Amino acid sequence: MKSPSGSLVPMDDEQAEAMRRIKSGAVVKCNISEMRNGGFFRKWWLLAKMAFDMSSDRMQPREYKGKQVLPSFDSFRKDLTILAGYFNVIYKYDGTMRLEAQSLKWAEMTEETFEKLYSATIDAILQKILIGMSEDELRKAVDQTLAYA
């Protein structure tokens, strides 16, 4: 996100971590594009992050081949997009099919479609992830968190 001083700053923890890996003074190449509605996108991202944080707190530790497996926000947001009904069906080499989340990129999703995704995401969270929470409670939590951000 462009700050008032004109510098670019990370928008979330994932981007902040990527920036920390770049050494000071290093020259990097970036593809910059302006988002359709940055505030609305940040609101969706925060909604997904809140659902992830609230649901991952309740997850039991898991292991795979002796290694601890931790919840992944990147996988969660893609699964959430699929639960909201925004996915493509991929036919794999072995004849099976899998679902792949639609891209949220500005060039690939219109503002109107993104607004529908936001609404469907709320429905998916309330029906599949945070069962028992009301839509008003969820929206209020997102708005309050946005006010502090």
N, C-alpha and C. Protein backbone atom coordinates (compact mmCIF):
# COMPACT_ATOMS: atom_id res chain seq x y z
N MET A 1 0.86 -1.15 0.00
CA MET A 1 0.00 0.00 0.00
C MET A 1 0.91 1.23 0.00
N LYS A 2 0.52 2.25 -0.73
CA LYS A 2 1.31 3.48 -0.77
C LYS A 2 0.97 4.32 0.45
N SER A 3 2.01 4.71 1.19
CA SER A 3 1.81 5.53 2.38
C SER A 3 1.78 7.00 1.99
N PRO A 4 1.32 7.88 2.89
CA PRO A 4 1.30 9.32 2.59
C PRO A 4 2.68 9.88 2.24
N SER A 5 3.74 9.25 2.76
CA SER A 5 5.09 9.73 2.46
C SER A 5 5.55 9.33 1.06
N GLY A 6 4.77 8.46 0.41
CA GLY A 6 5.12 8.02 -0.94
C GLY A 6 5.80 6.67 -1.00
N SER A 7 6.14 6.11 0.15
CA SER A 7 6.80 4.80 0.14
C SER A 7 5.75 3.69 0.10
N LEU A 8 6.18 2.51 -0.30
CA LEU A 8 5.29 1.34 -0.34
C LEU A 8 5.50 0.54 0.94
N VAL A 9 4.40 0.15 1.58
CA VAL A 9 4.46 -0.61 2.82
C VAL A 9 3.63 -1.88 2.68
N PRO A 10 4.03 -2.97 3.35
CA PRO A 10 3.26 -4.22 3.27
C PRO A 10 1.86 -4.04 3.83
N MET A 11 0.91 -4.75 3.24
CA MET A 11 -0.49 -4.63 3.63
C MET A 11 -0.89 -5.64 4.70
N ASP A 12 -0.12 -6.74 4.84
CA ASP A 12 -0.46 -7.75 5.82
C ASP A 12 0.80 -8.44 6.30
N ASP A 13 0.65 -9.38 7.24
CA ASP A 13 1.80 -10.07 7.83
C ASP A 13 2.59 -10.86 6.80
N GLU A 14 1.89 -11.48 5.86
CA GLU A 14 2.56 -12.29 4.83
C GLU A 14 3.47 -11.41 3.97
N GLN A 15 2.96 -10.26 3.57
CA GLN A 15 3.76 -9.34 2.76
C GLN A 15 4.89 -8.73 3.58
N ALA A 16 4.64 -8.47 4.87
CA ALA A 16 5.68 -7.92 5.73
C ALA A 16 6.83 -8.91 5.86
N GLU A 17 6.51 -10.19 5.98
CA GLU A 17 7.55 -11.22 6.07
C GLU A 17 8.36 -11.28 4.78
N ALA A 18 7.69 -11.19 3.64
CA ALA A 18 8.40 -11.20 2.36
C ALA A 18 9.34 -10.00 2.27
N MET A 19 8.91 -8.85 2.77
CA MET A 19 9.74 -7.64 2.74
C MET A 19 10.95 -7.78 3.66
N ARG A 20 10.76 -8.47 4.81
CA ARG A 20 11.88 -8.66 5.75
C ARG A 20 13.00 -9.48 5.14
N ARG A 21 12.66 -10.36 4.21
CA ARG A 21 13.68 -11.22 3.58
C ARG A 21 14.54 -10.46 2.57
N ILE A 22 14.09 -9.28 2.16
CA ILE A 22 14.86 -8.48 1.19
C ILE A 22 15.85 -7.63 1.96
N LYS A 23 17.12 -7.72 1.58
CA LYS A 23 18.15 -6.95 2.28
C LYS A 23 18.02 -5.47 1.96
N SER A 24 18.33 -4.64 2.94
CA SER A 24 18.29 -3.18 2.74
C SER A 24 19.25 -2.80 1.62
N GLY A 25 18.79 -1.96 0.74
CA GLY A 25 19.60 -1.51 -0.39
C GLY A 25 19.52 -2.41 -1.60
N ALA A 26 18.87 -3.57 -1.45
CA ALA A 26 18.75 -4.50 -2.58
C ALA A 26 17.81 -3.89 -3.63
N VAL A 27 18.11 -4.12 -4.87
CA VAL A 27 17.26 -3.67 -5.97
C VAL A 27 16.33 -4.84 -6.31
N VAL A 28 15.04 -4.57 -6.32
CA VAL A 28 14.05 -5.60 -6.61
C VAL A 28 13.17 -5.16 -7.76
N LYS A 29 12.62 -6.12 -8.47
CA LYS A 29 11.70 -5.84 -9.57
C LYS A 29 10.30 -6.20 -9.10
N CYS A 30 9.36 -5.30 -9.31
CA CYS A 30 7.99 -5.51 -8.86
C CYS A 30 7.02 -5.26 -10.01
N ASN A 31 5.93 -5.97 -10.00
CA ASN A 31 4.81 -5.67 -10.88
C ASN A 31 3.77 -4.97 -10.03
N ILE A 32 3.52 -3.71 -10.30
CA ILE A 32 2.60 -2.93 -9.50
C ILE A 32 1.32 -2.69 -10.28
N SER A 33 0.20 -2.96 -9.62
CA SER A 33 -1.09 -2.66 -10.22
C SER A 33 -2.00 -2.17 -9.12
N GLU A 34 -2.85 -1.22 -9.45
CA GLU A 34 -3.76 -0.66 -8.47
C GLU A 34 -4.96 -1.59 -8.32
N MET A 35 -5.37 -1.81 -7.09
CA MET A 35 -6.48 -2.70 -6.81
C MET A 35 -7.80 -2.00 -7.10
N ARG A 36 -8.84 -2.79 -7.37
CA ARG A 36 -10.15 -2.26 -7.71
C ARG A 36 -10.71 -1.39 -6.60
N ASN A 37 -10.70 -1.85 -5.38
CA ASN A 37 -11.16 -1.09 -4.23
C ASN A 37 -10.37 -1.62 -3.05
N GLY A 38 -9.25 -1.00 -2.80
CA GLY A 38 -8.33 -1.49 -1.78
C GLY A 38 -8.97 -1.65 -0.42
N GLY A 39 -9.81 -0.68 -0.02
CA GLY A 39 -10.47 -0.77 1.28
C GLY A 39 -11.39 -1.96 1.39
N PHE A 40 -12.15 -2.22 0.34
CA PHE A 40 -13.07 -3.35 0.35
C PHE A 40 -12.29 -4.67 0.31
N PHE A 41 -11.20 -4.71 -0.47
CA PHE A 41 -10.39 -5.91 -0.51
C PHE A 41 -9.77 -6.17 0.87
N ARG A 42 -9.25 -5.12 1.52
CA ARG A 42 -8.69 -5.29 2.87
C ARG A 42 -9.74 -5.80 3.84
N LYS A 43 -10.98 -5.36 3.66
CA LYS A 43 -12.07 -5.83 4.52
C LYS A 43 -12.31 -7.32 4.32
N TRP A 44 -12.29 -7.77 3.05
CA TRP A 44 -12.45 -9.22 2.78
C TRP A 44 -11.29 -9.99 3.39
N TRP A 45 -10.07 -9.46 3.20
CA TRP A 45 -8.86 -10.13 3.70
C TRP A 45 -8.93 -10.24 5.22
N LEU A 46 -9.36 -9.18 5.89
CA LEU A 46 -9.49 -9.17 7.34
C LEU A 46 -10.56 -10.17 7.78
N LEU A 47 -11.66 -10.23 7.07
CA LEU A 47 -12.71 -11.20 7.35
C LEU A 47 -12.14 -12.62 7.29
N ALA A 48 -11.40 -12.91 6.24
CA ALA A 48 -10.79 -14.25 6.10
C ALA A 48 -9.78 -14.50 7.21
N LYS A 49 -8.97 -13.50 7.53
CA LYS A 49 -7.94 -13.64 8.57
C LYS A 49 -8.59 -13.88 9.93
N MET A 50 -9.66 -13.14 10.23
CA MET A 50 -10.36 -13.35 11.51
C MET A 50 -10.93 -14.75 11.59
N ALA A 51 -11.56 -15.23 10.53
CA ALA A 51 -12.12 -16.59 10.53
C ALA A 51 -11.01 -17.61 10.70
N PHE A 52 -9.86 -17.39 10.05
CA PHE A 52 -8.73 -18.30 10.19
C PHE A 52 -8.24 -18.32 11.64
N ASP A 53 -8.03 -17.13 12.20
CA ASP A 53 -7.51 -17.05 13.57
C ASP A 53 -8.47 -17.72 14.56
N MET A 54 -9.75 -17.45 14.40
CA MET A 54 -10.74 -18.02 15.33
C MET A 54 -10.86 -19.54 15.16
N SER A 55 -10.77 -20.02 13.94
CA SER A 55 -10.92 -21.46 13.72
C SER A 55 -9.62 -22.22 14.00
N SER A 56 -8.47 -21.62 13.71
CA SER A 56 -7.21 -22.34 13.94
C SER A 56 -6.93 -22.49 15.43
N ASP A 57 -7.47 -21.60 16.26
CA ASP A 57 -7.31 -21.73 17.71
C ASP A 57 -7.97 -23.00 18.23
N ARG A 58 -9.00 -23.48 17.52
CA ARG A 58 -9.74 -24.67 17.96
C ARG A 58 -9.21 -25.95 17.32
N MET A 59 -8.26 -25.85 16.39
CA MET A 59 -7.76 -27.04 15.70
C MET A 59 -6.78 -27.82 16.58
N GLN A 60 -6.90 -29.12 16.53
CA GLN A 60 -6.00 -29.99 17.26
C GLN A 60 -4.68 -30.10 16.49
N PRO A 61 -3.55 -30.19 17.20
CA PRO A 61 -2.26 -30.37 16.51
C PRO A 61 -2.29 -31.66 15.68
N ARG A 62 -1.70 -31.60 14.49
CA ARG A 62 -1.67 -32.75 13.60
C ARG A 62 -0.23 -33.03 13.18
N GLU A 63 0.00 -34.28 12.79
CA GLU A 63 1.31 -34.67 12.29
C GLU A 63 1.14 -35.41 10.97
N TYR A 64 2.14 -35.29 10.13
CA TYR A 64 2.19 -36.04 8.88
C TYR A 64 3.61 -36.56 8.72
N LYS A 65 3.75 -37.88 8.72
CA LYS A 65 5.06 -38.54 8.61
C LYS A 65 6.06 -37.97 9.61
N GLY A 66 5.58 -37.80 10.86
CA GLY A 66 6.44 -37.36 11.94
C GLY A 66 6.68 -35.86 12.01
N LYS A 67 6.12 -35.10 11.09
CA LYS A 67 6.31 -33.64 11.10
C LYS A 67 5.02 -32.97 11.53
N GLN A 68 5.17 -31.93 12.37
CA GLN A 68 3.99 -31.18 12.80
C GLN A 68 3.46 -30.36 11.64
N VAL A 69 2.15 -30.41 11.47
CA VAL A 69 1.48 -29.66 10.40
C VAL A 69 0.71 -28.52 11.06
N LEU A 70 1.02 -27.30 10.65
CA LEU A 70 0.36 -26.13 11.20
C LEU A 70 -0.67 -25.59 10.22
N PRO A 71 -1.72 -24.97 10.75
CA PRO A 71 -2.70 -24.36 9.84
C PRO A 71 -2.02 -23.30 8.96
N SER A 72 -2.47 -23.19 7.72
CA SER A 72 -1.90 -22.25 6.76
C SER A 72 -2.98 -21.26 6.33
N PHE A 73 -2.73 -19.96 6.52
CA PHE A 73 -3.70 -18.97 6.11
C PHE A 73 -3.89 -18.98 4.60
N ASP A 74 -2.81 -19.17 3.85
CA ASP A 74 -2.92 -19.17 2.40
C ASP A 74 -3.86 -20.28 1.92
N SER A 75 -3.71 -21.47 2.48
CA SER A 75 -4.61 -22.57 2.13
C SER A 75 -6.03 -22.29 2.61
N PHE A 76 -6.14 -21.73 3.81
CA PHE A 76 -7.46 -21.43 4.37
C PHE A 76 -8.22 -20.45 3.50
N ARG A 77 -7.58 -19.35 3.07
CA ARG A 77 -8.29 -18.35 2.27
C ARG A 77 -8.74 -18.94 0.92
N LYS A 78 -7.93 -19.85 0.37
CA LYS A 78 -8.33 -20.51 -0.87
C LYS A 78 -9.51 -21.44 -0.62
N ASP A 79 -9.46 -22.20 0.48
CA ASP A 79 -10.58 -23.08 0.84
C ASP A 79 -11.84 -22.26 1.10
N LEU A 80 -11.68 -21.12 1.75
CA LEU A 80 -12.82 -20.24 2.04
C LEU A 80 -13.45 -19.71 0.75
N THR A 81 -12.62 -19.37 -0.21
CA THR A 81 -13.11 -18.91 -1.51
C THR A 81 -13.90 -20.02 -2.19
N ILE A 82 -13.41 -21.25 -2.09
CA ILE A 82 -14.11 -22.40 -2.66
C ILE A 82 -15.44 -22.62 -1.93
N LEU A 83 -15.41 -22.57 -0.58
CA LEU A 83 -16.65 -22.73 0.19
C LEU A 83 -17.69 -21.67 -0.17
N ALA A 84 -17.21 -20.49 -0.55
CA ALA A 84 -18.11 -19.40 -0.95
C ALA A 84 -18.67 -19.62 -2.35
N GLY A 85 -18.16 -20.63 -3.06
CA GLY A 85 -18.68 -20.96 -4.39
C GLY A 85 -17.90 -20.37 -5.55
N TYR A 86 -16.71 -19.86 -5.29
CA TYR A 86 -15.90 -19.23 -6.34
C TYR A 86 -14.67 -20.09 -6.60
N PHE A 87 -14.86 -21.03 -7.53
CA PHE A 87 -13.81 -21.99 -7.83
C PHE A 87 -13.89 -22.44 -9.28
N ASN A 88 -12.80 -23.05 -9.72
CA ASN A 88 -12.73 -23.71 -11.03
C ASN A 88 -12.50 -25.19 -10.76
N VAL A 89 -13.08 -26.04 -11.58
CA VAL A 89 -12.87 -27.48 -11.47
C VAL A 89 -11.70 -27.84 -12.39
N ILE A 90 -10.71 -28.49 -11.81
CA ILE A 90 -9.50 -28.86 -12.56
C ILE A 90 -9.51 -30.37 -12.76
N TYR A 91 -9.31 -30.77 -13.99
CA TYR A 91 -9.23 -32.19 -14.34
C TYR A 91 -7.76 -32.58 -14.32
N LYS A 92 -7.39 -33.50 -13.41
CA LYS A 92 -5.99 -33.86 -13.21
C LYS A 92 -5.56 -34.99 -14.16
N TYR A 93 -4.28 -35.17 -14.25
CA TYR A 93 -3.69 -36.18 -15.15
C TYR A 93 -4.17 -37.59 -14.87
N ASP A 94 -4.51 -37.89 -13.59
CA ASP A 94 -4.92 -39.24 -13.23
C ASP A 94 -6.42 -39.47 -13.37
N GLY A 95 -7.12 -38.48 -13.93
CA GLY A 95 -8.55 -38.62 -14.17
C GLY A 95 -9.42 -38.09 -13.05
N THR A 96 -8.81 -37.73 -11.93
CA THR A 96 -9.60 -37.17 -10.83
C THR A 96 -9.78 -35.66 -11.04
N MET A 97 -10.69 -35.11 -10.29
CA MET A 97 -10.92 -33.68 -10.38
C MET A 97 -10.68 -33.05 -9.02
N ARG A 98 -10.30 -31.79 -9.03
CA ARG A 98 -10.14 -31.06 -7.79
C ARG A 98 -10.64 -29.64 -8.01
N LEU A 99 -10.93 -28.96 -6.91
CA LEU A 99 -11.40 -27.59 -6.97
C LEU A 99 -10.23 -26.65 -6.73
N GLU A 100 -10.18 -25.59 -7.50
CA GLU A 100 -9.14 -24.57 -7.34
C GLU A 100 -9.83 -23.23 -7.17
N ALA A 101 -9.44 -22.49 -6.14
CA ALA A 101 -10.06 -21.19 -5.85
C ALA A 101 -9.86 -20.23 -7.02
N GLN A 102 -10.90 -19.46 -7.33
CA GLN A 102 -10.76 -18.42 -8.35
C GLN A 102 -9.79 -17.37 -7.84
N SER A 103 -9.09 -16.77 -8.75
CA SER A 103 -8.15 -15.71 -8.40
C SER A 103 -8.92 -14.46 -7.98
N LEU A 104 -8.40 -13.78 -6.97
CA LEU A 104 -9.00 -12.52 -6.51
C LEU A 104 -8.35 -11.32 -7.19
N LYS A 105 -7.44 -11.58 -8.11
CA LYS A 105 -6.74 -10.49 -8.79
C LYS A 105 -7.71 -9.57 -9.52
N TRP A 106 -7.37 -8.30 -9.50
CA TRP A 106 -8.19 -7.27 -10.11
C TRP A 106 -8.49 -7.59 -11.57
N ALA A 107 -7.49 -8.06 -12.29
CA ALA A 107 -7.67 -8.32 -13.72
C ALA A 107 -8.57 -9.54 -13.98
N GLU A 108 -8.79 -10.35 -12.95
CA GLU A 108 -9.53 -11.59 -13.16
C GLU A 108 -10.90 -11.64 -12.48
N MET A 109 -11.22 -10.62 -11.67
CA MET A 109 -12.51 -10.62 -10.98
C MET A 109 -13.04 -9.18 -10.96
N THR A 110 -14.24 -9.02 -11.46
CA THR A 110 -14.84 -7.67 -11.50
C THR A 110 -15.23 -7.24 -10.09
N GLU A 111 -15.45 -5.95 -9.94
CA GLU A 111 -15.89 -5.40 -8.65
C GLU A 111 -17.22 -6.02 -8.23
N GLU A 112 -18.13 -6.16 -9.18
CA GLU A 112 -19.44 -6.75 -8.89
C GLU A 112 -19.30 -8.20 -8.40
N THR A 113 -18.45 -8.98 -9.06
CA THR A 113 -18.22 -10.36 -8.64
C THR A 113 -17.58 -10.40 -7.27
N PHE A 114 -16.64 -9.47 -7.01
CA PHE A 114 -15.97 -9.45 -5.71
C PHE A 114 -16.97 -9.12 -4.59
N GLU A 115 -17.91 -8.24 -4.85
CA GLU A 115 -18.94 -7.91 -3.86
C GLU A 115 -19.78 -9.15 -3.54
N LYS A 116 -20.11 -9.93 -4.57
CA LYS A 116 -20.86 -11.17 -4.36
C LYS A 116 -20.03 -12.18 -3.58
N LEU A 117 -18.73 -12.25 -3.89
CA LEU A 117 -17.82 -13.13 -3.16
C LEU A 117 -17.81 -12.75 -1.68
N TYR A 118 -17.75 -11.46 -1.39
CA TYR A 118 -17.71 -11.00 0.01
C TYR A 118 -18.95 -11.51 0.75
N SER A 119 -20.10 -11.32 0.17
CA SER A 119 -21.35 -11.76 0.80
C SER A 119 -21.37 -13.28 0.97
N ALA A 120 -20.95 -14.00 -0.06
CA ALA A 120 -20.91 -15.46 0.00
C ALA A 120 -19.88 -15.95 1.01
N THR A 121 -18.80 -15.20 1.19
CA THR A 121 -17.78 -15.55 2.18
C THR A 121 -18.36 -15.47 3.59
N ILE A 122 -19.13 -14.42 3.85
CA ILE A 122 -19.78 -14.30 5.16
C ILE A 122 -20.69 -15.51 5.40
N ASP A 123 -21.48 -15.86 4.40
CA ASP A 123 -22.37 -17.02 4.53
C ASP A 123 -21.57 -18.29 4.81
N ALA A 124 -20.48 -18.50 4.07
CA ALA A 124 -19.66 -19.70 4.24
C ALA A 124 -19.04 -19.76 5.63
N ILE A 125 -18.55 -18.62 6.11
CA ILE A 125 -17.95 -18.59 7.45
C ILE A 125 -18.99 -18.95 8.51
N LEU A 126 -20.17 -18.36 8.40
CA LEU A 126 -21.21 -18.59 9.41
C LEU A 126 -21.79 -20.00 9.35
N GLN A 127 -21.85 -20.60 8.14
CA GLN A 127 -22.44 -21.93 7.99
C GLN A 127 -21.45 -23.06 8.19
N LYS A 128 -20.16 -22.82 7.90
CA LYS A 128 -19.20 -23.93 7.90
C LYS A 128 -18.06 -23.77 8.92
N ILE A 129 -17.76 -22.55 9.36
CA ILE A 129 -16.55 -22.35 10.16
C ILE A 129 -16.87 -21.84 11.56
N LEU A 130 -17.55 -20.71 11.65
CA LEU A 130 -17.87 -20.11 12.94
C LEU A 130 -19.36 -20.30 13.24
N ILE A 131 -19.76 -21.54 13.27
CA ILE A 131 -21.17 -21.88 13.49
C ILE A 131 -21.60 -21.35 14.86
N GLY A 132 -22.72 -20.67 14.89
CA GLY A 132 -23.22 -20.11 16.14
C GLY A 132 -23.03 -18.60 16.24
N MET A 133 -22.16 -18.05 15.42
CA MET A 133 -21.97 -16.60 15.41
C MET A 133 -22.99 -16.00 14.44
N SER A 134 -23.52 -14.84 14.78
CA SER A 134 -24.50 -14.21 13.89
C SER A 134 -23.78 -13.34 12.86
N GLU A 135 -24.48 -13.05 11.79
CA GLU A 135 -23.91 -12.20 10.75
C GLU A 135 -23.60 -10.81 11.31
N ASP A 136 -24.48 -10.28 12.13
CA ASP A 136 -24.24 -8.97 12.73
C ASP A 136 -22.98 -8.97 13.61
N GLU A 137 -22.80 -10.03 14.39
CA GLU A 137 -21.60 -10.14 15.24
C GLU A 137 -20.33 -10.19 14.39
N LEU A 138 -20.37 -10.96 13.31
CA LEU A 138 -19.21 -11.08 12.44
C LEU A 138 -18.90 -9.75 11.76
N ARG A 139 -19.91 -9.11 11.20
CA ARG A 139 -19.69 -7.81 10.54
C ARG A 139 -19.18 -6.76 11.53
N LYS A 140 -19.72 -6.76 12.72
CA LYS A 140 -19.30 -5.81 13.76
C LYS A 140 -17.83 -6.05 14.13
N ALA A 141 -17.45 -7.31 14.28
CA ALA A 141 -16.06 -7.65 14.62
C ALA A 141 -15.10 -7.17 13.53
N VAL A 142 -15.48 -7.38 12.27
CA VAL A 142 -14.64 -6.94 11.15
C VAL A 142 -14.53 -5.41 11.15
N ASP A 143 -15.66 -4.73 11.29
CA ASP A 143 -15.65 -3.27 11.29
C ASP A 143 -14.84 -2.69 12.44
N GLN A 144 -14.95 -3.30 13.63
CA GLN A 144 -14.19 -2.82 14.78
C GLN A 144 -12.69 -3.02 14.55
N THR A 145 -12.33 -4.16 14.00
CA THR A 145 -10.91 -4.43 13.74
C THR A 145 -10.38 -3.47 12.67
N LEU A 146 -11.18 -3.20 11.66
CA LEU A 146 -10.78 -2.23 10.63
C LEU A 146 -10.57 -0.84 11.23
N ALA A 147 -11.39 -0.48 12.19
CA ALA A 147 -11.26 0.84 12.81
C ALA A 147 -9.93 0.98 13.56
N TYR A 148 -9.42 -0.12 14.09
CA TYR A 148 -8.15 -0.09 14.81
C TYR A 148 -6.95 -0.22 13.90
N ALA A 149 -7.17 -0.73 12.68
CA ALA A 149 -6.05 -0.98 11.75
C ALA A 149 -5.58 0.30 11.10
